[in-house]
Amino acid sequence: MTRLAKLACVVALASASTVWAQDGNTDNGQALAHTCAGCHGIAGYTNAYPTFRVPRLGGQHPEYIVAALTAYKNGQRAHPTMTAQAASLTDEQIQDIAAYVTEAPESADDPHVVPTGDPKKGEQLAQACTACHGATGASDITQYPIISGQHPDYLAHALTAYKTGERKNAIMKGFASNLSKQDIKHLAAWFASQNEPLYTPNFGE
């Protein structure tokens, strides 16, 4: 890990340290998450425009889900549906939703998405990601998302959003701004090919 990468992780953790101050209530989260089921509870569900499969939330770090929902709420991330969903949520409700969706039962028909990039080329590019996301995209630092096993088209969408500034994060912007469209596909293919426990949750159970 380079000195700059270490500093970047420390700064990112310090700036976000107040977001996840408590554990969520899964019972409350289940009641609140009914509005999430229409997209995140359908295996292989695809966002209309731009086209990408919505992310798998099962098995994800709840602390990261809190950070993501908070980013949609405060405008650091732009997505009409997610912004509308998060706008009315309290911090406590966000905690509860995060606790539930990351532990809900697994959907039985979660499809495997074939990536369009080259995982071997992505592995080389991913060396710059290890400081925060770990070697395979499953860091123990829970404020950062597990990205291994995530849908490759979603990962490509997220990296592109950081590159264009649609998602506002100085560290990710600095990294993604140097990536070509093909680099992004390769990185997405590498992390998607890793065998980690992300899945589409079944909100009906």
N, C-alpha and C. Protein backbone atom coordinates (compact mmCIF):
# COMPACT_ATOMS: atom_id res chain seq x y z
N MET A 1 0.85 -1.20 0.00
CA MET A 1 0.00 0.00 0.00
C MET A 1 0.88 1.24 0.00
N THR A 2 0.64 2.14 -0.90
CA THR A 2 1.44 3.35 -0.97
C THR A 2 1.08 4.29 0.18
N ARG A 3 1.98 5.22 0.42
CA ARG A 3 1.74 6.18 1.49
C ARG A 3 0.50 7.03 1.19
N LEU A 4 0.37 7.42 -0.10
CA LEU A 4 -0.78 8.23 -0.51
C LEU A 4 -2.08 7.46 -0.33
N ALA A 5 -2.05 6.17 -0.68
CA ALA A 5 -3.26 5.36 -0.54
C ALA A 5 -3.66 5.20 0.92
N LYS A 6 -2.67 5.02 1.79
CA LYS A 6 -2.96 4.93 3.22
C LYS A 6 -3.62 6.21 3.72
N LEU A 7 -3.05 7.34 3.29
CA LEU A 7 -3.61 8.63 3.71
C LEU A 7 -5.02 8.80 3.20
N ALA A 8 -5.27 8.37 1.97
CA ALA A 8 -6.61 8.48 1.39
C ALA A 8 -7.62 7.70 2.20
N CYS A 9 -7.25 6.49 2.62
CA CYS A 9 -8.17 5.67 3.42
C CYS A 9 -8.44 6.31 4.77
N VAL A 10 -7.39 6.85 5.40
CA VAL A 10 -7.57 7.49 6.70
C VAL A 10 -8.50 8.69 6.59
N VAL A 11 -8.30 9.52 5.57
CA VAL A 11 -9.14 10.70 5.38
C VAL A 11 -10.59 10.29 5.14
N ALA A 12 -10.78 9.28 4.30
CA ALA A 12 -12.14 8.84 3.99
C ALA A 12 -12.84 8.30 5.22
N LEU A 13 -12.14 7.54 6.02
CA LEU A 13 -12.75 6.99 7.23
C LEU A 13 -13.06 8.10 8.23
N ALA A 14 -12.15 9.04 8.37
CA ALA A 14 -12.38 10.13 9.33
C ALA A 14 -13.58 10.97 8.94
N SER A 15 -13.72 11.24 7.65
CA SER A 15 -14.81 12.10 7.19
C SER A 15 -16.16 11.43 7.31
N ALA A 16 -16.19 10.10 7.34
CA ALA A 16 -17.45 9.37 7.37
C ALA A 16 -17.75 8.74 8.72
N SER A 17 -16.93 9.01 9.71
CA SER A 17 -17.00 8.26 10.95
C SER A 17 -18.28 8.48 11.74
N THR A 18 -19.00 9.55 11.48
CA THR A 18 -20.20 9.82 12.25
C THR A 18 -21.47 9.26 11.62
N VAL A 19 -21.36 8.63 10.43
CA VAL A 19 -22.55 8.21 9.71
C VAL A 19 -23.18 6.97 10.31
N TRP A 20 -22.37 6.03 10.79
CA TRP A 20 -22.90 4.74 11.27
C TRP A 20 -22.63 4.60 12.77
N ALA A 21 -23.38 5.29 13.55
CA ALA A 21 -23.12 5.34 14.99
C ALA A 21 -23.84 4.24 15.75
N GLN A 22 -24.78 3.51 15.12
CA GLN A 22 -25.53 2.52 15.88
C GLN A 22 -25.95 1.39 14.97
N ASP A 23 -26.33 0.25 15.60
CA ASP A 23 -26.83 -0.88 14.84
C ASP A 23 -28.30 -0.65 14.52
N GLY A 24 -28.72 -1.15 13.36
CA GLY A 24 -30.11 -1.00 12.96
C GLY A 24 -30.99 -2.10 13.50
N ASN A 25 -32.29 -1.86 13.46
CA ASN A 25 -33.29 -2.82 13.91
C ASN A 25 -33.85 -3.52 12.66
N THR A 26 -33.62 -4.83 12.54
CA THR A 26 -34.01 -5.55 11.33
C THR A 26 -35.53 -5.66 11.19
N ASP A 27 -36.25 -5.72 12.29
CA ASP A 27 -37.72 -5.79 12.19
C ASP A 27 -38.28 -4.50 11.61
N ASN A 28 -37.81 -3.38 12.12
CA ASN A 28 -38.22 -2.10 11.56
C ASN A 28 -37.76 -1.96 10.11
N GLY A 29 -36.54 -2.45 9.85
CA GLY A 29 -36.00 -2.37 8.51
C GLY A 29 -36.82 -3.16 7.50
N GLN A 30 -37.34 -4.31 7.91
CA GLN A 30 -38.16 -5.11 7.00
C GLN A 30 -39.43 -4.38 6.62
N ALA A 31 -40.04 -3.71 7.59
CA ALA A 31 -41.26 -2.95 7.32
C ALA A 31 -40.98 -1.76 6.39
N LEU A 32 -39.83 -1.13 6.57
CA LEU A 32 -39.49 0.04 5.77
C LEU A 32 -39.02 -0.33 4.37
N ALA A 33 -38.46 -1.52 4.22
CA ALA A 33 -37.80 -1.90 2.96
C ALA A 33 -38.76 -2.39 1.89
N HIS A 34 -40.07 -2.33 2.13
CA HIS A 34 -41.01 -2.81 1.11
C HIS A 34 -40.88 -2.00 -0.18
N THR A 35 -40.49 -0.73 -0.06
CA THR A 35 -40.32 0.09 -1.27
C THR A 35 -39.04 -0.27 -2.03
N CYS A 36 -38.13 -0.98 -1.37
CA CYS A 36 -36.88 -1.40 -2.03
C CYS A 36 -37.07 -2.67 -2.84
N ALA A 37 -38.09 -3.46 -2.48
CA ALA A 37 -38.26 -4.80 -3.05
C ALA A 37 -38.52 -4.77 -4.55
N GLY A 38 -39.19 -3.72 -5.04
CA GLY A 38 -39.55 -3.67 -6.45
C GLY A 38 -38.37 -3.65 -7.39
N CYS A 39 -37.21 -3.26 -6.89
CA CYS A 39 -35.99 -3.28 -7.71
C CYS A 39 -34.95 -4.24 -7.14
N HIS A 40 -34.61 -4.05 -5.88
CA HIS A 40 -33.51 -4.81 -5.28
C HIS A 40 -33.92 -6.22 -4.84
N GLY A 41 -35.21 -6.49 -4.84
CA GLY A 41 -35.67 -7.83 -4.47
C GLY A 41 -35.98 -8.71 -5.66
N ILE A 42 -35.72 -8.23 -6.87
CA ILE A 42 -35.97 -9.00 -8.09
C ILE A 42 -34.62 -9.36 -8.70
N ALA A 43 -34.33 -10.66 -8.72
CA ALA A 43 -33.04 -11.12 -9.24
C ALA A 43 -32.86 -10.70 -10.69
N GLY A 44 -31.75 -10.02 -10.98
CA GLY A 44 -31.46 -9.60 -12.34
C GLY A 44 -32.19 -8.36 -12.80
N TYR A 45 -32.87 -7.67 -11.89
CA TYR A 45 -33.63 -6.48 -12.29
C TYR A 45 -32.69 -5.42 -12.87
N THR A 46 -33.14 -4.81 -13.96
CA THR A 46 -32.30 -3.86 -14.69
C THR A 46 -32.86 -2.45 -14.61
N ASN A 47 -32.01 -1.51 -14.26
CA ASN A 47 -32.36 -0.09 -14.30
C ASN A 47 -32.65 0.30 -15.74
N ALA A 48 -33.67 1.12 -15.95
CA ALA A 48 -34.10 1.43 -17.31
C ALA A 48 -33.09 2.27 -18.08
N TYR A 49 -32.68 3.41 -17.50
CA TYR A 49 -31.75 4.28 -18.21
C TYR A 49 -30.92 5.06 -17.21
N PRO A 50 -29.59 4.95 -17.27
CA PRO A 50 -28.86 4.03 -18.15
C PRO A 50 -29.11 2.57 -17.75
N THR A 51 -28.84 1.65 -18.65
CA THR A 51 -29.15 0.24 -18.41
C THR A 51 -28.03 -0.44 -17.63
N PHE A 52 -28.37 -0.93 -16.45
CA PHE A 52 -27.45 -1.73 -15.64
C PHE A 52 -28.27 -2.48 -14.61
N ARG A 53 -27.80 -3.61 -14.17
CA ARG A 53 -28.50 -4.37 -13.14
C ARG A 53 -28.31 -3.69 -11.80
N VAL A 54 -29.39 -3.57 -11.05
CA VAL A 54 -29.28 -2.92 -9.75
C VAL A 54 -28.39 -3.77 -8.85
N PRO A 55 -27.69 -3.17 -7.91
CA PRO A 55 -26.70 -3.93 -7.13
C PRO A 55 -27.31 -4.96 -6.20
N ARG A 56 -26.56 -6.03 -6.02
CA ARG A 56 -26.91 -7.01 -4.99
C ARG A 56 -26.62 -6.39 -3.62
N LEU A 57 -27.60 -6.45 -2.74
CA LEU A 57 -27.45 -5.87 -1.40
C LEU A 57 -27.24 -6.92 -0.32
N GLY A 58 -27.70 -8.14 -0.57
CA GLY A 58 -27.52 -9.20 0.42
C GLY A 58 -26.05 -9.52 0.63
N GLY A 59 -25.64 -9.63 1.88
CA GLY A 59 -24.25 -9.93 2.20
C GLY A 59 -23.34 -8.71 2.23
N GLN A 60 -23.90 -7.54 1.91
CA GLN A 60 -23.12 -6.31 1.89
C GLN A 60 -22.89 -5.81 3.32
N HIS A 61 -21.88 -4.98 3.51
CA HIS A 61 -21.67 -4.34 4.81
C HIS A 61 -22.82 -3.37 5.09
N PRO A 62 -23.54 -3.50 6.19
CA PRO A 62 -24.62 -2.54 6.47
C PRO A 62 -24.11 -1.12 6.62
N GLU A 63 -22.89 -0.97 7.14
CA GLU A 63 -22.33 0.38 7.28
C GLU A 63 -22.21 1.07 5.93
N TYR A 64 -21.88 0.29 4.91
CA TYR A 64 -21.78 0.88 3.58
C TYR A 64 -23.16 1.26 3.03
N ILE A 65 -24.17 0.43 3.28
CA ILE A 65 -25.52 0.77 2.82
C ILE A 65 -25.97 2.07 3.47
N VAL A 66 -25.64 2.25 4.73
CA VAL A 66 -25.96 3.51 5.41
C VAL A 66 -25.28 4.67 4.69
N ALA A 67 -24.01 4.50 4.38
CA ALA A 67 -23.27 5.56 3.69
C ALA A 67 -23.87 5.86 2.32
N ALA A 68 -24.27 4.81 1.59
CA ALA A 68 -24.82 4.99 0.25
C ALA A 68 -26.16 5.71 0.30
N LEU A 69 -27.06 5.27 1.19
CA LEU A 69 -28.37 5.92 1.30
C LEU A 69 -28.23 7.37 1.75
N THR A 70 -27.29 7.60 2.65
CA THR A 70 -27.04 8.97 3.10
C THR A 70 -26.53 9.84 1.95
N ALA A 71 -25.71 9.26 1.08
CA ALA A 71 -25.19 10.00 -0.07
C ALA A 71 -26.30 10.36 -1.04
N TYR A 72 -27.27 9.44 -1.24
CA TYR A 72 -28.42 9.76 -2.09
C TYR A 72 -29.27 10.85 -1.43
N LYS A 73 -29.39 10.79 -0.12
CA LYS A 73 -30.21 11.76 0.60
C LYS A 73 -29.62 13.16 0.54
N ASN A 74 -28.30 13.27 0.66
CA ASN A 74 -27.69 14.61 0.72
C ASN A 74 -27.15 15.11 -0.63
N GLY A 75 -27.39 14.33 -1.69
CA GLY A 75 -27.04 14.81 -3.02
C GLY A 75 -25.65 14.45 -3.50
N GLN A 76 -24.91 13.64 -2.75
CA GLN A 76 -23.60 13.22 -3.21
C GLN A 76 -23.69 12.18 -4.32
N ARG A 77 -24.84 11.54 -4.41
CA ARG A 77 -25.11 10.62 -5.51
C ARG A 77 -26.41 11.04 -6.18
N ALA A 78 -26.46 10.85 -7.51
CA ALA A 78 -27.63 11.26 -8.26
C ALA A 78 -28.31 10.05 -8.90
N HIS A 79 -29.55 9.83 -8.52
CA HIS A 79 -30.39 8.82 -9.15
C HIS A 79 -31.83 9.16 -8.75
N PRO A 80 -32.71 9.44 -9.72
CA PRO A 80 -34.05 9.94 -9.37
C PRO A 80 -34.80 9.07 -8.37
N THR A 81 -34.82 7.77 -8.59
CA THR A 81 -35.57 6.88 -7.70
C THR A 81 -34.94 6.81 -6.33
N MET A 82 -33.63 6.62 -6.29
CA MET A 82 -32.95 6.48 -5.00
C MET A 82 -32.98 7.79 -4.21
N THR A 83 -32.85 8.91 -4.90
CA THR A 83 -32.92 10.20 -4.21
C THR A 83 -34.30 10.40 -3.59
N ALA A 84 -35.34 10.04 -4.34
CA ALA A 84 -36.71 10.18 -3.83
C ALA A 84 -36.94 9.26 -2.65
N GLN A 85 -36.41 8.04 -2.73
CA GLN A 85 -36.60 7.07 -1.64
C GLN A 85 -35.89 7.54 -0.37
N ALA A 86 -34.67 8.03 -0.53
CA ALA A 86 -33.86 8.36 0.64
C ALA A 86 -34.23 9.71 1.26
N ALA A 87 -34.85 10.58 0.49
CA ALA A 87 -35.09 11.96 0.94
C ALA A 87 -35.89 12.04 2.24
N SER A 88 -36.86 11.15 2.40
CA SER A 88 -37.75 11.24 3.56
C SER A 88 -37.30 10.37 4.73
N LEU A 89 -36.19 9.66 4.58
CA LEU A 89 -35.75 8.74 5.63
C LEU A 89 -34.95 9.46 6.71
N THR A 90 -35.21 9.09 7.95
CA THR A 90 -34.38 9.57 9.05
C THR A 90 -33.10 8.75 9.12
N ASP A 91 -32.14 9.22 9.87
CA ASP A 91 -30.90 8.46 10.04
C ASP A 91 -31.20 7.10 10.66
N GLU A 92 -32.11 7.05 11.60
CA GLU A 92 -32.45 5.79 12.25
C GLU A 92 -33.10 4.82 11.27
N GLN A 93 -33.98 5.33 10.42
CA GLN A 93 -34.62 4.47 9.43
C GLN A 93 -33.61 3.92 8.42
N ILE A 94 -32.65 4.74 8.06
CA ILE A 94 -31.59 4.28 7.16
C ILE A 94 -30.80 3.14 7.80
N GLN A 95 -30.49 3.30 9.08
CA GLN A 95 -29.79 2.24 9.81
C GLN A 95 -30.60 0.95 9.81
N ASP A 96 -31.91 1.07 10.02
CA ASP A 96 -32.77 -0.12 10.10
C ASP A 96 -32.87 -0.82 8.75
N ILE A 97 -33.03 -0.05 7.68
CA ILE A 97 -33.10 -0.63 6.34
C ILE A 97 -31.79 -1.35 6.02
N ALA A 98 -30.68 -0.73 6.34
CA ALA A 98 -29.37 -1.33 6.05
C ALA A 98 -29.20 -2.65 6.80
N ALA A 99 -29.65 -2.68 8.04
CA ALA A 99 -29.52 -3.91 8.82
C ALA A 99 -30.34 -5.04 8.21
N TYR A 100 -31.52 -4.71 7.70
CA TYR A 100 -32.40 -5.75 7.15
C TYR A 100 -31.95 -6.24 5.78
N VAL A 101 -31.73 -5.32 4.83
CA VAL A 101 -31.48 -5.76 3.45
C VAL A 101 -30.18 -6.54 3.31
N THR A 102 -29.22 -6.31 4.19
CA THR A 102 -27.95 -7.02 4.09
C THR A 102 -28.02 -8.41 4.69
N GLU A 103 -29.08 -8.70 5.46
CA GLU A 103 -29.21 -10.00 6.10
C GLU A 103 -30.44 -10.78 5.65
N ALA A 104 -31.26 -10.21 4.76
CA ALA A 104 -32.46 -10.89 4.28
C ALA A 104 -32.08 -12.19 3.57
N PRO A 105 -32.99 -13.17 3.49
CA PRO A 105 -32.68 -14.45 2.83
C PRO A 105 -32.32 -14.25 1.36
N GLU A 106 -31.61 -15.21 0.82
CA GLU A 106 -31.14 -15.12 -0.56
C GLU A 106 -32.21 -15.55 -1.56
N SER A 107 -32.32 -14.83 -2.66
CA SER A 107 -33.21 -15.22 -3.74
C SER A 107 -32.66 -16.46 -4.42
N ALA A 108 -33.53 -17.37 -4.81
CA ALA A 108 -33.09 -18.66 -5.36
C ALA A 108 -32.66 -18.56 -6.82
N ASP A 109 -33.07 -17.54 -7.53
CA ASP A 109 -32.82 -17.48 -8.97
C ASP A 109 -31.95 -16.30 -9.38
N ASP A 110 -30.97 -15.97 -8.56
CA ASP A 110 -30.08 -14.85 -8.84
C ASP A 110 -29.18 -15.20 -10.03
N PRO A 111 -29.29 -14.49 -11.16
CA PRO A 111 -28.55 -14.88 -12.36
C PRO A 111 -27.09 -14.46 -12.32
N HIS A 112 -26.27 -15.20 -13.05
CA HIS A 112 -24.87 -14.83 -13.23
C HIS A 112 -24.77 -13.97 -14.48
N VAL A 113 -24.14 -12.82 -14.35
CA VAL A 113 -24.01 -11.90 -15.48
C VAL A 113 -22.61 -12.04 -16.07
N VAL A 114 -22.54 -12.29 -17.35
CA VAL A 114 -21.25 -12.44 -18.03
C VAL A 114 -20.65 -11.05 -18.29
N PRO A 115 -19.47 -10.78 -17.77
CA PRO A 115 -18.87 -9.45 -17.97
C PRO A 115 -18.37 -9.27 -19.39
N THR A 116 -18.27 -8.02 -19.83
CA THR A 116 -17.79 -7.72 -21.17
C THR A 116 -16.30 -7.40 -21.18
N GLY A 117 -15.70 -7.21 -20.02
CA GLY A 117 -14.28 -6.91 -19.94
C GLY A 117 -13.43 -8.14 -19.73
N ASP A 118 -12.13 -7.94 -19.61
CA ASP A 118 -11.16 -9.02 -19.41
C ASP A 118 -10.71 -9.02 -17.95
N PRO A 119 -11.07 -10.06 -17.18
CA PRO A 119 -10.70 -10.09 -15.76
C PRO A 119 -9.20 -10.03 -15.52
N LYS A 120 -8.40 -10.62 -16.40
CA LYS A 120 -6.95 -10.61 -16.20
C LYS A 120 -6.39 -9.20 -16.30
N LYS A 121 -6.89 -8.44 -17.27
CA LYS A 121 -6.47 -7.05 -17.39
C LYS A 121 -7.00 -6.24 -16.21
N GLY A 122 -8.19 -6.59 -15.75
CA GLY A 122 -8.77 -5.91 -14.60
C GLY A 122 -7.98 -6.16 -13.34
N GLU A 123 -7.44 -7.36 -13.18
CA GLU A 123 -6.64 -7.67 -12.00
C GLU A 123 -5.42 -6.76 -11.90
N GLN A 124 -4.80 -6.49 -13.02
CA GLN A 124 -3.64 -5.59 -13.03
C GLN A 124 -4.04 -4.17 -12.63
N LEU A 125 -5.14 -3.70 -13.17
CA LEU A 125 -5.62 -2.36 -12.85
C LEU A 125 -6.05 -2.25 -11.39
N ALA A 126 -6.53 -3.36 -10.83
CA ALA A 126 -7.10 -3.35 -9.48
C ALA A 126 -6.07 -3.18 -8.38
N GLN A 127 -4.79 -3.20 -8.72
CA GLN A 127 -3.77 -3.00 -7.69
C GLN A 127 -3.96 -1.66 -6.99
N ALA A 128 -4.48 -0.69 -7.71
CA ALA A 128 -4.69 0.64 -7.12
C ALA A 128 -5.89 0.67 -6.19
N CYS A 129 -6.70 -0.39 -6.20
CA CYS A 129 -7.93 -0.44 -5.40
C CYS A 129 -7.74 -1.13 -4.05
N THR A 130 -6.61 -1.85 -3.90
CA THR A 130 -6.45 -2.73 -2.74
C THR A 130 -6.39 -2.00 -1.41
N ALA A 131 -5.90 -0.75 -1.42
CA ALA A 131 -5.75 -0.03 -0.15
C ALA A 131 -7.06 0.11 0.59
N CYS A 132 -8.14 0.33 -0.15
CA CYS A 132 -9.45 0.50 0.47
C CYS A 132 -10.35 -0.73 0.32
N HIS A 133 -10.30 -1.38 -0.86
CA HIS A 133 -11.25 -2.45 -1.15
C HIS A 133 -10.68 -3.85 -0.96
N GLY A 134 -9.39 -3.97 -0.65
CA GLY A 134 -8.80 -5.28 -0.49
C GLY A 134 -8.43 -5.90 -1.82
N ALA A 135 -7.67 -7.00 -1.76
CA ALA A 135 -7.13 -7.62 -2.97
C ALA A 135 -8.21 -8.14 -3.91
N THR A 136 -9.31 -8.64 -3.35
CA THR A 136 -10.37 -9.21 -4.19
C THR A 136 -11.66 -8.39 -4.15
N GLY A 137 -11.62 -7.24 -3.50
CA GLY A 137 -12.81 -6.41 -3.43
C GLY A 137 -13.70 -6.71 -2.24
N ALA A 138 -13.16 -7.34 -1.22
CA ALA A 138 -13.94 -7.68 -0.03
C ALA A 138 -13.19 -7.27 1.23
N SER A 139 -12.94 -5.98 1.35
CA SER A 139 -12.20 -5.47 2.48
C SER A 139 -12.98 -5.64 3.78
N ASP A 140 -12.22 -5.81 4.87
CA ASP A 140 -12.84 -5.88 6.20
C ASP A 140 -13.21 -4.50 6.72
N ILE A 141 -12.81 -3.45 6.02
CA ILE A 141 -13.19 -2.09 6.40
C ILE A 141 -14.64 -1.90 5.97
N THR A 142 -15.56 -1.94 6.92
CA THR A 142 -16.98 -2.06 6.59
C THR A 142 -17.60 -0.81 6.00
N GLN A 143 -16.91 0.32 6.08
CA GLN A 143 -17.43 1.53 5.48
C GLN A 143 -17.29 1.52 3.96
N TYR A 144 -16.47 0.61 3.45
CA TYR A 144 -16.29 0.47 2.01
C TYR A 144 -17.09 -0.74 1.53
N PRO A 145 -17.65 -0.67 0.33
CA PRO A 145 -18.49 -1.77 -0.12
C PRO A 145 -17.71 -3.02 -0.49
N ILE A 146 -18.33 -4.18 -0.27
CA ILE A 146 -17.87 -5.40 -0.91
C ILE A 146 -18.23 -5.26 -2.39
N ILE A 147 -17.24 -5.35 -3.27
CA ILE A 147 -17.52 -5.23 -4.70
C ILE A 147 -17.23 -6.53 -5.44
N SER A 148 -16.59 -7.48 -4.79
CA SER A 148 -16.37 -8.77 -5.44
C SER A 148 -17.69 -9.53 -5.48
N GLY A 149 -17.99 -10.10 -6.64
CA GLY A 149 -19.26 -10.81 -6.80
C GLY A 149 -20.42 -9.91 -7.14
N GLN A 150 -20.16 -8.61 -7.28
CA GLN A 150 -21.22 -7.68 -7.65
C GLN A 150 -21.45 -7.76 -9.17
N HIS A 151 -22.63 -7.36 -9.63
CA HIS A 151 -22.90 -7.35 -11.06
C HIS A 151 -21.88 -6.47 -11.79
N PRO A 152 -21.25 -6.98 -12.85
CA PRO A 152 -20.23 -6.18 -13.53
C PRO A 152 -20.76 -4.91 -14.17
N ASP A 153 -21.99 -4.97 -14.70
CA ASP A 153 -22.52 -3.77 -15.34
C ASP A 153 -22.84 -2.69 -14.30
N TYR A 154 -23.20 -3.09 -13.08
CA TYR A 154 -23.40 -2.10 -12.03
C TYR A 154 -22.07 -1.49 -11.61
N LEU A 155 -21.04 -2.33 -11.47
CA LEU A 155 -19.72 -1.81 -11.11
C LEU A 155 -19.22 -0.82 -12.15
N ALA A 156 -19.43 -1.14 -13.42
CA ALA A 156 -19.02 -0.23 -14.49
C ALA A 156 -19.81 1.07 -14.42
N HIS A 157 -21.10 0.97 -14.12
CA HIS A 157 -21.91 2.18 -13.97
C HIS A 157 -21.39 3.05 -12.82
N ALA A 158 -21.08 2.43 -11.69
CA ALA A 158 -20.62 3.18 -10.52
C ALA A 158 -19.29 3.88 -10.82
N LEU A 159 -18.34 3.16 -11.42
CA LEU A 159 -17.06 3.77 -11.75
C LEU A 159 -17.22 4.92 -12.74
N THR A 160 -18.09 4.75 -13.71
CA THR A 160 -18.34 5.81 -14.67
C THR A 160 -18.95 7.03 -13.99
N ALA A 161 -19.84 6.80 -13.02
CA ALA A 161 -20.47 7.91 -12.29
C ALA A 161 -19.44 8.68 -11.47
N TYR A 162 -18.45 7.98 -10.90
CA TYR A 162 -17.39 8.68 -10.19
C TYR A 162 -16.51 9.46 -11.18
N LYS A 163 -16.28 8.89 -12.34
CA LYS A 163 -15.46 9.54 -13.36
C LYS A 163 -16.09 10.84 -13.84
N THR A 164 -17.40 10.81 -14.06
CA THR A 164 -18.10 11.98 -14.59
C THR A 164 -18.49 12.99 -13.52
N GLY A 165 -18.40 12.59 -12.25
CA GLY A 165 -18.80 13.48 -11.16
C GLY A 165 -20.25 13.33 -10.76
N GLU A 166 -20.96 12.38 -11.38
CA GLU A 166 -22.35 12.12 -10.98
C GLU A 166 -22.40 11.64 -9.53
N ARG A 167 -21.39 10.88 -9.15
CA ARG A 167 -21.18 10.54 -7.74
C ARG A 167 -20.02 11.37 -7.24
N LYS A 168 -20.21 12.01 -6.10
CA LYS A 168 -19.21 12.94 -5.59
C LYS A 168 -18.39 12.30 -4.47
N ASN A 169 -17.17 11.93 -4.83
CA ASN A 169 -16.23 11.37 -3.87
C ASN A 169 -14.83 11.68 -4.39
N ALA A 170 -14.09 12.48 -3.67
CA ALA A 170 -12.81 12.98 -4.17
C ALA A 170 -11.83 11.86 -4.47
N ILE A 171 -11.79 10.85 -3.60
CA ILE A 171 -10.84 9.75 -3.79
C ILE A 171 -11.20 8.94 -5.03
N MET A 172 -12.48 8.56 -5.16
CA MET A 172 -12.91 7.77 -6.29
C MET A 172 -12.84 8.58 -7.59
N LYS A 173 -13.12 9.85 -7.52
CA LYS A 173 -13.01 10.73 -8.69
C LYS A 173 -11.58 10.75 -9.20
N GLY A 174 -10.62 10.89 -8.27
CA GLY A 174 -9.22 10.93 -8.66
C GLY A 174 -8.77 9.65 -9.31
N PHE A 175 -9.27 8.52 -8.82
CA PHE A 175 -8.91 7.24 -9.40
C PHE A 175 -9.61 7.02 -10.74
N ALA A 176 -10.92 7.21 -10.77
CA ALA A 176 -11.70 6.87 -11.95
C ALA A 176 -11.43 7.82 -13.12
N SER A 177 -11.01 9.03 -12.84
CA SER A 177 -10.79 10.00 -13.91
C SER A 177 -9.71 9.56 -14.89
N ASN A 178 -8.82 8.66 -14.43
CA ASN A 178 -7.73 8.19 -15.28
C ASN A 178 -8.08 6.92 -16.04
N LEU A 179 -9.28 6.41 -15.86
CA LEU A 179 -9.67 5.15 -16.48
C LEU A 179 -10.37 5.38 -17.82
N SER A 180 -10.03 4.56 -18.79
CA SER A 180 -10.75 4.58 -20.06
C SER A 180 -12.02 3.74 -19.91
N LYS A 181 -12.92 3.82 -20.87
CA LYS A 181 -14.12 3.00 -20.84
C LYS A 181 -13.78 1.52 -20.80
N GLN A 182 -12.73 1.13 -21.52
CA GLN A 182 -12.33 -0.28 -21.53
C GLN A 182 -11.71 -0.68 -20.20
N ASP A 183 -10.91 0.22 -19.60
CA ASP A 183 -10.36 -0.05 -18.27
C ASP A 183 -11.47 -0.34 -17.27
N ILE A 184 -12.52 0.46 -17.33
CA ILE A 184 -13.66 0.29 -16.42
C ILE A 184 -14.30 -1.07 -16.61
N LYS A 185 -14.46 -1.50 -17.86
CA LYS A 185 -15.03 -2.82 -18.13
C LYS A 185 -14.13 -3.93 -17.59
N HIS A 186 -12.82 -3.76 -17.73
CA HIS A 186 -11.88 -4.77 -17.24
C HIS A 186 -11.94 -4.87 -15.71
N LEU A 187 -11.94 -3.72 -15.04
CA LEU A 187 -12.02 -3.71 -13.58
C LEU A 187 -13.32 -4.36 -13.10
N ALA A 188 -14.42 -4.01 -13.74
CA ALA A 188 -15.71 -4.58 -13.37
C ALA A 188 -15.71 -6.09 -13.56
N ALA A 189 -15.08 -6.56 -14.63
CA ALA A 189 -15.02 -8.00 -14.89
C ALA A 189 -14.20 -8.72 -13.82
N TRP A 190 -13.11 -8.11 -13.39
CA TRP A 190 -12.25 -8.73 -12.38
C TRP A 190 -12.99 -8.87 -11.04
N PHE A 191 -13.55 -7.78 -10.56
CA PHE A 191 -14.21 -7.85 -9.26
C PHE A 191 -15.47 -8.71 -9.30
N ALA A 192 -16.19 -8.67 -10.41
CA ALA A 192 -17.40 -9.48 -10.53
C ALA A 192 -17.08 -10.97 -10.53
N SER A 193 -15.89 -11.32 -10.99
CA SER A 193 -15.51 -12.73 -11.09
C SER A 193 -15.06 -13.32 -9.76
N GLN A 194 -14.90 -12.50 -8.75
CA GLN A 194 -14.45 -12.99 -7.44
C GLN A 194 -15.60 -13.62 -6.68
N ASN A 195 -15.30 -14.66 -5.94
CA ASN A 195 -16.33 -15.46 -5.27
C ASN A 195 -16.56 -14.96 -3.85
N GLU A 196 -17.39 -13.96 -3.73
CA GLU A 196 -17.73 -13.40 -2.42
C GLU A 196 -19.24 -13.44 -2.22
N PRO A 197 -19.69 -13.30 -0.97
CA PRO A 197 -21.10 -13.62 -0.65
C PRO A 197 -22.13 -12.53 -0.91
N LEU A 198 -22.09 -11.90 -2.07
CA LEU A 198 -23.14 -10.94 -2.40
C LEU A 198 -24.28 -11.68 -3.13
N TYR A 199 -25.50 -11.28 -2.84
CA TYR A 199 -26.65 -11.93 -3.46
C TYR A 199 -27.83 -10.98 -3.47
N THR A 200 -28.83 -11.33 -4.30
CA THR A 200 -30.09 -10.57 -4.31
C THR A 200 -30.96 -11.08 -3.17
N PRO A 201 -31.36 -10.20 -2.25
CA PRO A 201 -32.19 -10.66 -1.12
C PRO A 201 -33.62 -10.93 -1.52
N ASN A 202 -34.24 -11.86 -0.83
CA ASN A 202 -35.66 -12.17 -1.01
C ASN A 202 -36.44 -11.42 0.07
N PHE A 203 -37.08 -10.34 -0.31
CA PHE A 203 -37.78 -9.50 0.66
C PHE A 203 -39.09 -10.12 1.14
N GLY A 204 -39.50 -11.21 0.50
CA GLY A 204 -40.76 -11.82 0.88
C GLY A 204 -40.66 -12.79 2.03
N GLU A 205 -39.49 -13.05 2.51
CA GLU A 205 -39.31 -14.03 3.60
C GLU A 205 -38.84 -13.36 4.87
